[in-house]
Amino acid sequence: MGYTGGTLAGTGTIMLTTVDAETERHRQTWLGFCRFMRIMIVVIILILVGMAVFLL
């Protein structure tokens, strides 16, 4: 990411913020975990639907 900046509404000055070097790695890890959880929830739902269909 690096530096991000934006103007403050009232003063018109620019504020630069630094981003930790590990932030992007943590962000990618979190996105990967969320993707994994989404896939696992879909798999569990499909298993439950399959069980419901075959048990009727």
C-alpha atoms as a PDB file:
ATOM      1  CA  MET A   1       0.000   0.000   0.000  1.00  0.00           C
ATOM      2  CA  GLY A   2       2.465   2.665   1.072  1.00  0.00           C
ATOM      3  CA  TYR A   3       1.348   6.206   1.710  1.00  0.00           C
ATOM      4  CA  THR A   4      -2.200   7.357   1.405  1.00  0.00           C
ATOM      5  CA  GLY A   5      -3.242  10.932   1.632  1.00  0.00           C
ATOM      6  CA  GLY A   6      -6.321  13.045   1.604  1.00  0.00           C
ATOM      7  CA  THR A   7      -7.289  16.618   2.290  1.00  0.00           C
ATOM      8  CA  LEU A   8      -8.928  17.488   5.550  1.00  0.00           C
ATOM      9  CA  ALA A   9     -12.284  19.137   4.961  1.00  0.00           C
ATOM     10  CA  GLY A  10     -11.965  22.135   7.233  1.00  0.00           C
ATOM     11  CA  THR A  11      -8.299  23.043   7.034  1.00  0.00           C
ATOM     12  CA  GLY A  12      -7.383  22.090   3.483  1.00  0.00           C
ATOM     13  CA  THR A  13      -4.131  20.503   4.681  1.00  0.00           C
ATOM     14  CA  ILE A  14      -2.974  17.118   3.498  1.00  0.00           C
ATOM     15  CA  MET A  15      -2.537  14.353   6.037  1.00  0.00           C
ATOM     16  CA  LEU A  16      -0.194  11.499   5.095  1.00  0.00           C
ATOM     17  CA  THR A  17      -0.550   8.220   6.905  1.00  0.00           C
ATOM     18  CA  THR A  18       1.900   5.379   6.852  1.00  0.00           C
ATOM     19  CA  VAL A  19       0.771   1.793   6.602  1.00  0.00           C
ATOM     20  CA  ASP A  20       2.512  -0.987   8.452  1.00  0.00           C
ATOM     21  CA  ALA A  21       4.537  -3.272   6.198  1.00  0.00           C
ATOM     22  CA  GLU A  22       2.638  -6.281   7.554  1.00  0.00           C
ATOM     23  CA  THR A  23      -0.795  -4.794   6.833  1.00  0.00           C
ATOM     24  CA  GLU A  24      -1.006  -6.123   3.279  1.00  0.00           C
ATOM     25  CA  ARG A  25       0.035  -9.612   4.398  1.00  0.00           C
ATOM     26  CA  HIS A  26      -2.563  -9.578   7.177  1.00  0.00           C
ATOM     27  CA  ARG A  27      -5.187  -8.308   4.735  1.00  0.00           C
ATOM     28  CA  GLN A  28      -4.421 -11.129   2.293  1.00  0.00           C
ATOM     29  CA  THR A  29      -4.542 -13.678   5.119  1.00  0.00           C
ATOM     30  CA  TRP A  30      -7.921 -12.356   6.260  1.00  0.00           C
ATOM     31  CA  LEU A  31      -9.312 -12.389   2.709  1.00  0.00           C
ATOM     32  CA  GLY A  32      -8.098 -15.967   2.264  1.00  0.00           C
ATOM     33  CA  PHE A  33      -9.726 -17.004   5.538  1.00  0.00           C
ATOM     34  CA  CYS A  34     -13.013 -15.367   4.536  1.00  0.00           C
ATOM     35  CA  ARG A  35     -12.921 -17.132   1.178  1.00  0.00           C
ATOM     36  CA  PHE A  36     -12.239 -20.459   2.919  1.00  0.00           C
ATOM     37  CA  MET A  37     -15.134 -19.940   5.333  1.00  0.00           C
ATOM     38  CA  ARG A  38     -17.488 -19.031   2.492  1.00  0.00           C
ATOM     39  CA  ILE A  39     -16.570 -22.201   0.595  1.00  0.00           C
ATOM     40  CA  MET A  40     -16.933 -24.369   3.705  1.00  0.00           C
ATOM     41  CA  ILE A  41     -20.367 -22.909   4.484  1.00  0.00           C
ATOM     42  CA  VAL A  42     -21.504 -23.701   0.922  1.00  0.00           C
ATOM     43  CA  VAL A  43     -20.153 -27.259   1.249  1.00  0.00           C
ATOM     44  CA  ILE A  44     -21.948 -27.762   4.571  1.00  0.00           C
ATOM     45  CA  ILE A  45     -25.218 -26.442   3.130  1.00  0.00           C
ATOM     46  CA  LEU A  46     -24.903 -28.753   0.110  1.00  0.00           C
ATOM     47  CA  ILE A  47     -24.269 -31.728   2.411  1.00  0.00           C
ATOM     48  CA  LEU A  48     -27.298 -30.848   4.530  1.00  0.00           C
ATOM     49  CA  VAL A  49     -29.503 -30.414   1.453  1.00  0.00           C
ATOM     50  CA  GLY A  50     -28.248 -33.738   0.076  1.00  0.00           C
ATOM     51  CA  MET A  51     -29.004 -35.477   3.366  1.00  0.00           C
ATOM     52  CA  ALA A  52     -32.492 -33.946   3.445  1.00  0.00           C
ATOM     53  CA  VAL A  53     -33.220 -35.101  -0.112  1.00  0.00           C
ATOM     54  CA  PHE A  54     -32.017 -38.666   0.434  1.00  0.00           C
ATOM     55  CA  LEU A  55     -33.697 -39.030   3.815  1.00  0.00           C
ATOM     56  CA  LEU A  56     -37.165 -38.127   2.548  1.00  0.00           C
END
